[in-house]
Amino acid sequence: MSSILTSSTMEPDARKPRPALTPEAEQARATRLEREAAALRENLRRRKAQAREREAGTPECP
């Protein structure tokens, strides 16, 4: 019998609990997530503005 590794055998066991974060690490994680969310919102706002400019036919940069 040959042993063939499949993607399901290489994946970590999903039932294992994740390690607990210290309060400082949890705060740092929350700060990173907030910063990432703000950056994504700003990127979306900028892309929508660019799309509106394209549809209006005005140049993006003078």
N, C-alpha and C. Protein backbone atom coordinates (compact mmCIF):
# COMPACT_ATOMS: atom_id res chain seq x y z
N MET A 1 0.85 -1.17 0.00
CA MET A 1 0.00 0.00 0.00
C MET A 1 0.89 1.23 0.00
N SER A 2 0.70 2.13 -0.96
CA SER A 2 1.52 3.33 -1.04
C SER A 2 0.88 4.44 -0.22
N SER A 3 1.71 5.29 0.32
CA SER A 3 1.18 6.39 1.11
C SER A 3 1.22 7.65 0.25
N ILE A 4 0.04 8.13 -0.10
CA ILE A 4 -0.08 9.33 -0.93
C ILE A 4 -0.64 10.45 -0.06
N LEU A 5 0.07 11.59 -0.05
CA LEU A 5 -0.41 12.73 0.72
C LEU A 5 -1.40 13.51 -0.12
N THR A 6 -2.52 13.78 0.42
CA THR A 6 -3.51 14.62 -0.25
C THR A 6 -3.63 15.91 0.52
N SER A 7 -4.33 16.86 -0.05
CA SER A 7 -4.47 18.14 0.64
C SER A 7 -5.17 17.97 1.98
N SER A 8 -6.08 17.00 2.08
CA SER A 8 -6.78 16.81 3.35
C SER A 8 -5.86 16.24 4.42
N THR A 9 -4.84 15.47 4.03
CA THR A 9 -3.94 14.91 5.04
C THR A 9 -2.88 15.92 5.44
N MET A 10 -2.63 16.93 4.63
CA MET A 10 -1.63 17.92 4.96
C MET A 10 -2.19 19.09 5.75
N GLU A 11 -3.50 19.21 5.82
CA GLU A 11 -4.11 20.31 6.54
C GLU A 11 -4.04 20.04 8.04
N PRO A 12 -3.87 21.11 8.83
CA PRO A 12 -3.84 20.90 10.28
C PRO A 12 -5.22 20.48 10.78
N ASP A 13 -5.23 19.82 11.88
CA ASP A 13 -6.48 19.35 12.47
C ASP A 13 -7.31 20.55 12.90
N ALA A 14 -8.50 20.69 12.34
CA ALA A 14 -9.36 21.83 12.62
C ALA A 14 -9.95 21.78 14.02
N ARG A 15 -9.87 20.64 14.67
CA ARG A 15 -10.45 20.51 16.01
C ARG A 15 -9.52 21.00 17.11
N LYS A 16 -8.26 21.27 16.79
CA LYS A 16 -7.32 21.73 17.81
C LYS A 16 -7.66 23.17 18.19
N PRO A 17 -7.68 23.47 19.48
CA PRO A 17 -7.99 24.84 19.90
C PRO A 17 -6.84 25.78 19.57
N ARG A 18 -7.20 27.01 19.27
CA ARG A 18 -6.18 28.02 19.01
C ARG A 18 -5.60 28.50 20.33
N PRO A 19 -4.33 28.85 20.34
CA PRO A 19 -3.74 29.34 21.59
C PRO A 19 -4.39 30.67 22.00
N ALA A 20 -4.54 30.86 23.29
CA ALA A 20 -5.13 32.09 23.80
C ALA A 20 -4.12 33.23 23.66
N LEU A 21 -4.63 34.42 23.37
CA LEU A 21 -3.78 35.60 23.27
C LEU A 21 -3.77 36.33 24.59
N THR A 22 -2.63 36.94 24.88
CA THR A 22 -2.55 37.78 26.07
C THR A 22 -3.41 39.02 25.82
N PRO A 23 -3.81 39.71 26.86
CA PRO A 23 -4.61 40.94 26.65
C PRO A 23 -3.89 41.95 25.74
N GLU A 24 -2.57 42.06 25.89
CA GLU A 24 -1.81 42.99 25.04
C GLU A 24 -1.85 42.54 23.58
N ALA A 25 -1.69 41.25 23.36
CA ALA A 25 -1.71 40.73 21.99
C ALA A 25 -3.10 40.87 21.39
N GLU A 26 -4.13 40.65 22.19
CA GLU A 26 -5.50 40.80 21.71
C GLU A 26 -5.77 42.25 21.33
N GLN A 27 -5.28 43.19 22.14
CA GLN A 27 -5.45 44.62 21.83
C GLN A 27 -4.70 44.98 20.55
N ALA A 28 -3.49 44.45 20.39
CA ALA A 28 -2.71 44.72 19.18
C ALA A 28 -3.42 44.15 17.95
N ARG A 29 -4.00 42.97 18.10
CA ARG A 29 -4.73 42.35 16.99
C ARG A 29 -5.95 43.19 16.63
N ALA A 30 -6.68 43.65 17.63
CA ALA A 30 -7.86 44.49 17.37
C ALA A 30 -7.46 45.79 16.69
N THR A 31 -6.35 46.38 17.11
CA THR A 31 -5.85 47.61 16.49
C THR A 31 -5.49 47.37 15.03
N ARG A 32 -4.81 46.24 14.77
CA ARG A 32 -4.45 45.91 13.38
C ARG A 32 -5.69 45.73 12.53
N LEU A 33 -6.69 45.02 13.06
CA LEU A 33 -7.92 44.79 12.30
C LEU A 33 -8.65 46.10 12.02
N GLU A 34 -8.70 47.00 12.99
CA GLU A 34 -9.33 48.30 12.79
C GLU A 34 -8.60 49.11 11.72
N ARG A 35 -7.26 49.08 11.80
CA ARG A 35 -6.45 49.82 10.81
C ARG A 35 -6.66 49.24 9.41
N GLU A 36 -6.70 47.91 9.32
CA GLU A 36 -6.93 47.26 8.03
C GLU A 36 -8.32 47.61 7.48
N ALA A 37 -9.33 47.59 8.33
CA ALA A 37 -10.68 47.92 7.90
C ALA A 37 -10.75 49.36 7.40
N ALA A 38 -10.09 50.28 8.10
CA ALA A 38 -10.09 51.68 7.68
C ALA A 38 -9.39 51.82 6.33
N ALA A 39 -8.29 51.11 6.13
CA ALA A 39 -7.57 51.18 4.85
C ALA A 39 -8.42 50.61 3.72
N LEU A 40 -9.14 49.52 3.99
CA LEU A 40 -10.00 48.94 2.96
C LEU A 40 -11.14 49.89 2.60
N ARG A 41 -11.73 50.55 3.62
CA ARG A 41 -12.80 51.52 3.34
C ARG A 41 -12.28 52.68 2.51
N GLU A 42 -11.10 53.18 2.85
CA GLU A 42 -10.51 54.30 2.10
C GLU A 42 -10.20 53.89 0.67
N ASN A 43 -9.69 52.67 0.48
CA ASN A 43 -9.39 52.17 -0.85
C ASN A 43 -10.67 52.07 -1.68
N LEU A 44 -11.73 51.56 -1.07
CA LEU A 44 -13.00 51.44 -1.78
C LEU A 44 -13.54 52.82 -2.15
N ARG A 45 -13.45 53.77 -1.22
CA ARG A 45 -13.91 55.13 -1.50
C ARG A 45 -13.14 55.73 -2.68
N ARG A 46 -11.82 55.53 -2.68
CA ARG A 46 -10.98 56.06 -3.76
C ARG A 46 -11.31 55.40 -5.10
N ARG A 47 -11.52 54.08 -5.09
CA ARG A 47 -11.85 53.38 -6.33
C ARG A 47 -13.21 53.81 -6.87
N LYS A 48 -14.17 54.03 -5.98
CA LYS A 48 -15.49 54.49 -6.43
C LYS A 48 -15.39 55.89 -7.03
N ALA A 49 -14.57 56.75 -6.42
CA ALA A 49 -14.38 58.10 -6.96
C ALA A 49 -13.72 58.03 -8.34
N GLN A 50 -12.76 57.14 -8.51
CA GLN A 50 -12.12 56.98 -9.81
C GLN A 50 -13.12 56.49 -10.85
N ALA A 51 -13.99 55.56 -10.46
CA ALA A 51 -15.00 55.04 -11.39
C ALA A 51 -15.96 56.14 -11.79
N ARG A 52 -16.37 56.97 -10.82
CA ARG A 52 -17.28 58.08 -11.15
C ARG A 52 -16.61 59.06 -12.10
N GLU A 53 -15.32 59.34 -11.91
CA GLU A 53 -14.60 60.24 -12.80
C GLU A 53 -14.51 59.66 -14.21
N ARG A 54 -14.26 58.34 -14.30
CA ARG A 54 -14.19 57.71 -15.62
C ARG A 54 -15.54 57.80 -16.34
N GLU A 55 -16.61 57.54 -15.61
CA GLU A 55 -17.94 57.59 -16.22
C GLU A 55 -18.30 59.00 -16.64
N ALA A 56 -17.86 59.99 -15.89
CA ALA A 56 -18.15 61.39 -16.23
C ALA A 56 -17.27 61.88 -17.36
N GLY A 57 -16.19 61.17 -17.64
CA GLY A 57 -15.29 61.55 -18.73
C GLY A 57 -14.28 62.61 -18.35
N THR A 58 -14.13 62.90 -17.08
CA THR A 58 -13.14 63.88 -16.67
C THR A 58 -11.82 63.17 -16.39
N PRO A 59 -10.71 63.81 -16.72
CA PRO A 59 -9.42 63.16 -16.48
C PRO A 59 -9.14 63.04 -14.98
N GLU A 60 -8.46 61.94 -14.61
CA GLU A 60 -8.14 61.68 -13.20
C GLU A 60 -7.07 62.64 -12.71
N CYS A 61 -6.02 62.82 -13.52
CA CYS A 61 -4.92 63.71 -13.16
C CYS A 61 -4.81 64.81 -14.21
N PRO A 62 -4.78 66.07 -13.80
CA PRO A 62 -4.69 67.17 -14.80
C PRO A 62 -3.37 67.22 -15.50
